[in-house]
Amino acid sequence: MIPRRLKTVLRALPLVLLASVLWREKPWNVHLSARMPWAIAGTIVLNFATYLPIKALRWRVALTNPPPFREVFAATLEGLLANAAIGFGSGDVVRAARLRRHQSQLTVDYACAWAERGAEVLALALLVFVAALVFKLGSVALAFSALAVVGYAAVLAGGRWLAPRLTRWPRVQHAVASGVQASTPRRVAIMTALSLLGWGSETVMLLFFQMAFSIPPSFKLALLTLVGINAAIVIPTLPGNFGTFEAGALMALAMGGVAHDVAVLYALTYHLTHVLPVALVATTVYLARHAR
């Protein structure tokens, strides 16, 4: 039995995580232009109406015997809260642990999360390839795209080879087999398409911010910014990907000719617009689910 005090501490943990996000990023210090509020509102609406549901649906495609979509969506939000406060891949662990809390499915659901991440890397490789052709980014970007595809194929082939040979470690074998099962050509194609669809909605958000910062609306610049951000955060590191996210956006905006001071405020405000509302909603979702 878990002591009552420990239960109370664990139940309060999401509020502590949310407070740490707010205290570290200090959003009240960001100065907004007159046209910024509508851009922030439009981005938040699009994020919750399109991008986040698509992200949850992508994971549900990978899951074995998936639960209802609302449960997958709720667990996805809770994972994003953990990622914003802790980072280092904690979001995938938390969403897998919170999805089916009483069914001992953590290993399988976590393996499916990794299968989803693999499909996302494949989609990113396609996105980088297109951007490299459009912007003439050179051989380095093309090599990155090709390396990502080869790496994904190698990991998938290695998993298929390794799974039957892990009979001495049944739990590990079950996890590897689950990841491989979630990576069938049909599922990978669907998850890749959903990734590209989600990034399409994010491109619209980036266009909102271009207009709010008096940058001439440019789909090419939005695509370049999207590639820069996703390439920078492909490996989960710092809490909320703060630092890497901004670095990717700044590099892309600088290549597009945006002034440095404008690019810095653009990147930070855009990032906070994604992190803070999700953290607030995710905290509410956690408390509501726990109360039930």
Protein backbone atom coordinates (compact mmCIF):
# COMPACT_ATOMS: atom_id res chain seq x y z
CA MET A 1 0.00 0.00 0.00
CA ILE A 2 1.21 3.48 -0.82
CA PRO A 3 1.26 5.81 2.22
CA ARG A 4 -1.37 8.56 2.15
CA ARG A 5 1.22 11.33 2.35
CA LEU A 6 3.09 9.92 -0.63
CA LYS A 7 -0.18 9.73 -2.58
CA THR A 8 -0.83 13.40 -1.80
CA VAL A 9 2.65 14.35 -2.99
CA LEU A 10 2.24 12.39 -6.21
CA ARG A 11 -1.15 13.94 -6.90
CA ALA A 12 0.34 17.42 -6.46
CA LEU A 13 3.27 16.65 -8.76
CA PRO A 14 1.66 18.03 -11.96
CA LEU A 15 0.99 21.34 -10.20
CA VAL A 16 4.65 21.47 -9.16
CA LEU A 17 5.71 20.70 -12.73
CA LEU A 18 3.45 23.43 -14.07
CA ALA A 19 4.80 25.92 -11.55
CA SER A 20 8.36 25.06 -12.54
CA VAL A 21 7.57 25.73 -16.21
CA LEU A 22 5.99 29.12 -15.41
CA TRP A 23 8.77 30.17 -13.02
CA ARG A 24 11.60 29.18 -15.35
CA GLU A 25 10.21 30.81 -18.50
CA LYS A 26 8.62 33.91 -16.87
CA PRO A 27 6.12 34.57 -19.69
CA TRP A 28 5.05 37.82 -18.02
CA ASN A 29 8.38 39.35 -19.13
CA VAL A 30 7.60 38.97 -22.84
CA HIS A 31 6.50 42.23 -24.46
CA LEU A 32 3.80 41.75 -27.08
CA SER A 33 2.92 43.93 -30.06
CA ALA A 34 -0.61 45.12 -30.75
CA ARG A 35 -1.14 42.42 -33.38
CA MET A 36 0.32 39.64 -31.26
CA PRO A 37 -2.77 38.62 -29.23
CA TRP A 38 -4.75 37.41 -32.24
CA ALA A 39 -1.73 35.48 -33.53
CA ILE A 40 -1.33 33.80 -30.14
CA ALA A 41 -5.05 33.02 -29.96
CA GLY A 42 -5.10 31.57 -33.48
CA THR A 43 -2.03 29.45 -32.78
CA ILE A 44 -3.45 28.08 -29.54
CA VAL A 45 -6.75 27.20 -31.23
CA LEU A 46 -5.01 25.47 -34.14
CA ASN A 47 -2.68 23.63 -31.78
CA PHE A 48 -5.54 22.15 -29.73
CA ALA A 49 -7.91 21.67 -32.68
CA THR A 50 -5.51 20.09 -35.17
CA TYR A 51 -1.87 19.50 -34.22
CA LEU A 52 -2.31 17.85 -30.80
CA PRO A 53 -5.24 15.61 -31.86
CA ILE A 54 -3.20 14.51 -34.88
CA LYS A 55 -0.26 13.75 -32.59
CA ALA A 56 -2.49 11.63 -30.35
CA LEU A 57 -4.06 9.89 -33.36
CA ARG A 58 -0.60 9.07 -34.70
CA TRP A 59 0.28 7.31 -31.45
CA ARG A 60 -3.06 5.51 -31.42
CA VAL A 61 -2.25 4.06 -34.85
CA ALA A 62 0.86 2.47 -33.35
CA LEU A 63 -0.82 1.13 -30.20
CA THR A 64 -1.80 -2.51 -29.77
CA ASN A 65 -5.53 -2.82 -28.99
CA PRO A 66 -5.78 0.97 -28.59
CA PRO A 67 -8.16 2.46 -26.03
CA PRO A 68 -10.67 5.20 -26.96
CA PHE A 69 -9.17 8.28 -28.56
CA ARG A 70 -10.05 10.53 -25.60
CA GLU A 71 -7.84 8.40 -23.33
CA VAL A 72 -4.95 8.55 -25.79
CA PHE A 73 -5.36 12.31 -26.13
CA ALA A 74 -5.42 12.81 -22.35
CA ALA A 75 -2.29 10.69 -21.85
CA THR A 76 -0.57 12.61 -24.66
CA LEU A 77 -1.26 15.91 -22.90
CA GLU A 78 0.06 14.56 -19.62
CA GLY A 79 3.21 13.42 -21.37
CA LEU A 80 3.69 16.89 -22.84
CA LEU A 81 3.45 18.38 -19.35
CA ALA A 82 6.23 16.08 -18.15
CA ASN A 83 8.34 16.94 -21.17
CA ALA A 84 7.88 20.68 -20.52
CA ALA A 85 9.03 20.39 -16.90
CA ILE A 86 11.52 17.49 -16.97
CA GLY A 87 12.57 16.86 -20.57
CA PHE A 88 15.04 14.14 -21.59
CA GLY A 89 12.38 11.88 -23.10
CA SER A 90 10.24 11.79 -19.95
CA GLY A 91 7.12 12.65 -21.94
CA ASP A 92 7.05 9.30 -23.73
CA VAL A 93 7.45 7.41 -20.46
CA VAL A 94 4.72 9.40 -18.73
CA ARG A 95 2.17 9.15 -21.53
CA ALA A 96 2.74 5.38 -21.76
CA ALA A 97 2.42 5.01 -17.98
CA ARG A 98 -0.72 7.14 -17.80
CA LEU A 99 -2.54 5.61 -20.76
CA ARG A 100 -3.61 2.31 -19.19
CA ARG A 101 -2.68 2.80 -15.57
CA HIS A 102 -4.33 -0.38 -14.23
CA GLN A 103 -3.61 -2.83 -17.06
CA SER A 104 0.19 -3.38 -16.83
CA GLN A 105 0.65 -2.18 -20.40
CA LEU A 106 3.53 0.23 -19.82
CA THR A 107 6.16 -1.82 -21.67
CA VAL A 108 4.00 -2.39 -24.74
CA ASP A 109 2.67 1.17 -24.91
CA TYR A 110 6.17 2.61 -24.47
CA ALA A 111 7.46 0.40 -27.28
CA CYS A 112 4.62 1.67 -29.48
CA ALA A 113 5.61 5.23 -28.58
CA TRP A 114 9.09 4.50 -29.90
CA ALA A 115 7.59 3.06 -33.08
CA GLU A 116 5.65 6.30 -33.48
CA ARG A 117 8.86 8.29 -32.94
CA GLY A 118 10.53 6.26 -35.67
CA ALA A 119 7.78 7.09 -38.14
CA GLU A 120 8.10 10.75 -37.13
CA VAL A 121 11.83 10.65 -37.94
CA LEU A 122 10.99 9.18 -41.35
CA ALA A 123 8.51 12.01 -41.97
CA LEU A 124 11.14 14.54 -40.87
CA ALA A 125 13.56 13.06 -43.38
CA LEU A 126 11.02 13.63 -46.14
CA LEU A 127 10.41 17.18 -44.90
CA VAL A 128 14.14 17.97 -44.86
CA PHE A 129 14.54 16.49 -48.35
CA VAL A 130 11.80 18.77 -49.73
CA ALA A 131 13.24 21.81 -47.94
CA ALA A 132 16.72 21.01 -49.23
CA LEU A 133 15.43 21.02 -52.80
CA VAL A 134 13.33 24.18 -52.36
CA PHE A 135 15.98 26.23 -50.56
CA LYS A 136 19.04 24.60 -52.13
CA LEU A 137 20.43 23.76 -48.70
CA GLY A 138 23.18 21.67 -50.21
CA SER A 139 24.57 18.20 -49.74
CA VAL A 140 24.63 18.33 -45.92
CA ALA A 141 20.82 18.57 -45.67
CA LEU A 142 20.36 15.87 -48.31
CA ALA A 143 22.84 13.65 -46.47
CA PHE A 144 20.95 14.22 -43.19
CA SER A 145 17.72 13.19 -44.89
CA ALA A 146 19.26 10.06 -46.39
CA LEU A 147 20.99 9.14 -43.12
CA ALA A 148 17.70 9.40 -41.21
CA VAL A 149 15.97 7.04 -43.66
CA VAL A 150 18.86 4.55 -43.59
CA GLY A 151 19.05 4.72 -39.79
CA TYR A 152 15.33 4.10 -39.42
CA ALA A 153 15.44 1.14 -41.80
CA ALA A 154 18.47 -0.30 -39.98
CA VAL A 155 16.84 -0.02 -36.55
CA LEU A 156 13.64 -1.62 -37.83
CA ALA A 157 15.54 -4.48 -39.49
CA GLY A 158 17.60 -4.95 -36.32
CA GLY A 159 14.43 -5.19 -34.25
CA ARG A 160 12.95 -7.80 -36.55
CA TRP A 161 16.16 -9.83 -36.34
CA LEU A 162 16.54 -9.44 -32.59
CA ALA A 163 13.01 -10.17 -31.40
CA PRO A 164 13.04 -13.98 -31.96
CA ARG A 165 16.44 -14.23 -30.24
CA LEU A 166 15.42 -12.76 -26.89
CA THR A 167 13.63 -15.77 -25.49
CA ARG A 168 15.72 -15.67 -22.30
CA TRP A 169 14.36 -12.19 -21.56
CA PRO A 170 10.61 -12.47 -22.24
CA ARG A 171 9.75 -8.92 -21.17
CA VAL A 172 12.40 -7.38 -23.39
CA GLN A 173 11.36 -9.67 -26.23
CA HIS A 174 7.73 -8.63 -25.78
CA ALA A 175 8.69 -4.94 -25.90
CA VAL A 176 10.83 -5.33 -29.02
CA ALA A 177 8.16 -7.46 -30.72
CA SER A 178 5.52 -4.84 -29.89
CA GLY A 179 7.62 -2.09 -31.43
CA VAL A 180 8.15 -4.15 -34.56
CA GLN A 181 4.45 -5.04 -34.76
CA ALA A 182 3.60 -1.35 -34.55
CA SER A 183 5.93 -0.63 -37.48
CA THR A 184 4.20 -2.48 -40.29
CA PRO A 185 4.37 -0.72 -43.68
CA ARG A 186 0.70 0.27 -43.45
CA ARG A 187 1.03 1.75 -39.97
CA VAL A 188 4.27 3.53 -40.80
CA ALA A 189 2.69 5.05 -43.91
CA ILE A 190 -0.30 6.30 -41.90
CA MET A 191 1.87 7.70 -39.09
CA THR A 192 4.17 9.41 -41.60
CA ALA A 193 1.20 10.97 -43.38
CA LEU A 194 -0.25 12.16 -40.04
CA SER A 195 3.11 13.71 -39.12
CA LEU A 196 3.18 15.67 -42.37
CA LEU A 197 -0.46 16.68 -41.89
CA GLY A 198 0.27 17.94 -38.38
CA TRP A 199 3.24 19.95 -39.61
CA GLY A 200 0.99 21.41 -42.28
CA SER A 201 -1.18 22.91 -39.53
CA GLU A 202 1.95 24.17 -37.78
CA THR A 203 3.00 25.93 -40.97
CA VAL A 204 -0.21 27.97 -40.72
CA MET A 205 0.68 28.88 -37.12
CA LEU A 206 4.11 30.07 -38.27
CA LEU A 207 2.45 32.22 -40.93
CA PHE A 208 0.28 33.79 -38.21
CA PHE A 209 3.41 34.79 -36.34
CA GLN A 210 5.08 36.16 -39.46
CA MET A 211 2.21 38.61 -39.91
CA ALA A 212 2.19 39.48 -36.20
CA PHE A 213 5.90 40.38 -36.37
CA SER A 214 5.45 42.40 -39.59
CA ILE A 215 7.36 39.80 -41.61
CA PRO A 216 6.02 39.49 -45.18
CA PRO A 217 4.02 36.22 -45.20
CA SER A 218 6.13 33.53 -46.84
CA PHE A 219 5.29 29.84 -47.05
CA LYS A 220 8.92 29.10 -47.87
CA LEU A 221 10.12 30.85 -44.70
CA ALA A 222 7.48 29.02 -42.66
CA LEU A 223 8.63 25.70 -44.12
CA LEU A 224 12.27 26.53 -43.41
CA THR A 225 11.41 27.51 -39.82
CA LEU A 226 9.43 24.30 -39.38
CA VAL A 227 12.37 22.23 -40.59
CA GLY A 228 14.81 24.12 -38.36
CA ILE A 229 12.70 23.61 -35.25
CA ASN A 230 12.01 19.91 -35.81
CA ALA A 231 15.59 19.11 -36.78
CA ALA A 232 16.80 20.83 -33.61
CA ILE A 233 14.45 18.95 -31.25
CA VAL A 234 14.59 15.53 -32.91
CA ILE A 235 16.51 14.22 -29.88
CA PRO A 236 14.68 15.09 -26.61
CA THR A 237 17.01 16.89 -24.20
CA LEU A 238 16.25 19.96 -22.09
CA PRO A 239 12.86 20.53 -20.41
CA GLY A 240 10.37 21.68 -23.00
CA ASN A 241 13.15 21.65 -25.61
CA PHE A 242 13.94 25.21 -24.53
CA GLY A 243 17.15 26.36 -26.12
CA THR A 244 17.24 23.80 -28.92
CA PHE A 245 13.81 24.91 -30.16
CA GLU A 246 14.88 28.56 -30.24
CA ALA A 247 18.22 27.72 -31.86
CA GLY A 248 16.51 25.87 -34.72
CA ALA A 249 14.02 28.69 -35.26
CA LEU A 250 16.72 31.39 -35.11
CA MET A 251 18.89 29.61 -37.66
CA ALA A 252 15.97 29.29 -40.08
CA LEU A 253 14.78 32.87 -39.61
CA ALA A 254 18.32 34.20 -40.09
CA MET A 255 18.57 32.28 -43.36
CA GLY A 256 15.30 33.97 -44.36
CA GLY A 257 16.74 37.41 -43.73
CA VAL A 258 14.84 38.22 -40.52
CA ALA A 259 16.60 40.64 -38.14
CA HIS A 260 18.17 38.94 -35.13
CA ASP A 261 16.22 40.79 -32.41
CA VAL A 262 12.92 40.11 -34.20
CA ALA A 263 13.86 36.45 -34.68
CA VAL A 264 14.69 36.00 -30.98
CA LEU A 265 11.34 37.38 -29.81
CA TYR A 266 9.52 35.44 -32.56
CA ALA A 267 11.09 32.13 -31.50
CA LEU A 268 10.56 32.63 -27.76
CA THR A 269 6.96 33.84 -28.04
CA TYR A 270 6.02 31.10 -30.48
CA HIS A 271 7.53 28.46 -28.19
CA LEU A 272 5.78 29.78 -25.08
CA THR A 273 2.50 29.82 -27.00
CA HIS A 274 2.86 26.07 -27.46
CA VAL A 275 4.19 25.14 -24.02
CA LEU A 276 2.22 27.17 -21.49
CA PRO A 277 -1.39 26.55 -22.67
CA VAL A 278 -0.65 22.83 -23.06
CA ALA A 279 0.87 22.70 -19.56
CA LEU A 280 -2.21 24.41 -18.09
CA VAL A 281 -4.69 22.14 -19.88
CA ALA A 282 -2.61 19.02 -19.16
CA THR A 283 -2.57 19.82 -15.44
CA THR A 284 -6.37 20.16 -15.47
CA VAL A 285 -6.72 16.90 -17.40
CA TYR A 286 -4.50 15.06 -14.93
CA LEU A 287 -6.42 16.30 -11.91
CA ALA A 288 -9.76 15.48 -13.53
CA ARG A 289 -8.69 11.95 -14.50
CA HIS A 290 -7.19 11.31 -11.11
CA ALA A 291 -10.36 12.49 -9.36
CA ARG A 292 -12.40 9.98 -11.38
